[in-house]
Amino acid sequence: MKFSFLYSIRFRLILWFAVILACVLLAFSTFIYLSQARDIRSDARGHLARKAEIIVQGLHLGGLPPNVLQDNDVLLLVDLNGNVLLSQGLSTNNEMVDLASHAKSFLEEQAQERAQSGNIWVQEIGTDQKHYMFTIVPASINSIMIVGTPFDPVNGRLLATLFLGSLATLVIALGGGWWLADRAMRPVKTITQTARSISESDLSRRLNLKTKDELGQLANTFDAMLARLQAAFDRQRQFVADASHELRTPLTIVKLEASRALQSKRTPQDYQRALGVIHSENEFMAHLVNDLLVLARLDAGQSTVQREPLDLSDVALDAAERLTPLAEQNSVKIETGELPEVPLEGDRQLLLQMFSNLIENAIKHTAGDERCVKVETGADEESVWARVSDNGEGIPPEHLPHIFDRFYQVDKARTHDAEAGYTGSGLGLSIVQSIVQMHGG
């Protein structure tokens, strides 16, 4: 992990920022330098052209004008063959010969044509010693005058200023970028540390970032995910605890009845009674295990909805007919109310189980002299509906928020009555809710 910093987002942000800023500074400095060099060269050429015009006018009047040439300026008068007629400002013969040679070459290429037209032009010539900018003008019909001054095309001071200024800007920007990147990535570090400290046994920790930027939204999403995970783990633990509790009682009863029957000789009636209790508890556990398996498949998404066109009223009527023997055993009458044709795309087996759970639940809780369960279906403009009602006492208001909770039972005594045929486990309505939600209800 020695070079792990090189792979961090912060380092890459700073690196990209530095590269982009360096390119921008390079382009800006190049533009400034070229613009300044062009302006300086243009001013120098104009100045030399005016100076040469003044000197030519002075020569026509009989002599050089005073204070026109500076100490470093050069004046050279040559004929059309390149012979030097007059020189001033050249310290050595080598410079004079060198400059005359350049002038002759230039004249052979362009000067005669331009001299005859009387134009003025500028030429930059580099000797062994210096770099000159010259203005070449016709002095007479047979001579050319060259006026020049040392000129450095490379502005060293400007280059140094631009380089040092860009370097200082880049260093300051890198320092500021480091601080900004560290500040921007601080919430990510917090999220990482919090995620490392979270375990399955402790999902209560939250980031609680108050910022409203993208990282704040990420933290809020992370907190929401933790809340869902905590709720899921809590439901799982509660589910396992409730299942263990529900299975413990029938297993204890089976063990006690079997131990009691094996302790000593019993009458056939006692053995029959013990086997009846064991059979009843076995049915309860089988029903409970089946419901647990259904819920586990629904939670895991393994029970997919096999949608097909069907009539919801036919499904309700089928469920009512299947549970009629159980209703007659408990002196309950199943009535069908309004059952118009209700077209629907759904899973027939899941919807049949939904109606069966609702009707069975109604059979358990109906009361009165005329114990009756009523099944109805219908449809409105936007949805379809199903209703299973009984004439029992109803559900007390304090229990209504919990009726779909798993293993929740309003009357535990009635939901486990072997003689009446009740084998409720408190999971039926939870299965109903899952099926309805899978169908978009």
Foldseek 3Di string as FASTA:
>chain_A
DVVVVCVDPLVVQLVVVLVVLLVVLVVVLVVVQVVVLVVVVVVVFVLQVVLVVQQLVVVVVPDGDPPSDDLQKKKFKAFLQLHTPDIPNDPDVVVVVQVSVVVNVVSVVPVLVCQVVQDKDWDWDQDPVATKIWIWTHSDNTMIMIMIGGDDSDDPVSVVVSVVVSVVVSVVVSVVSSVVSCVVCVLVVLVVVVVVPDDLVDLPDASPDPDDDPSVVVRVVVNVVSVVSVVVSVLVVVVVVLLCVLLVVLVVLLVVLVCVPPPDPDDPVSVVVSVLSNVLSVVLNVVVVVLVVLVVCLVVVVDAKPWDKDWLLVLLVVLCVVCQVLLVLLQEEEEEDARDGDIDITHSVLSNLLSNLLQLVQSLFADDPHWYWYWYWADDDPGIDIDIHIHGPDDPPVCVVCLLPAQDDPDPVSQRDSVSPHSDRSSSSVSNVSRVVSRVD
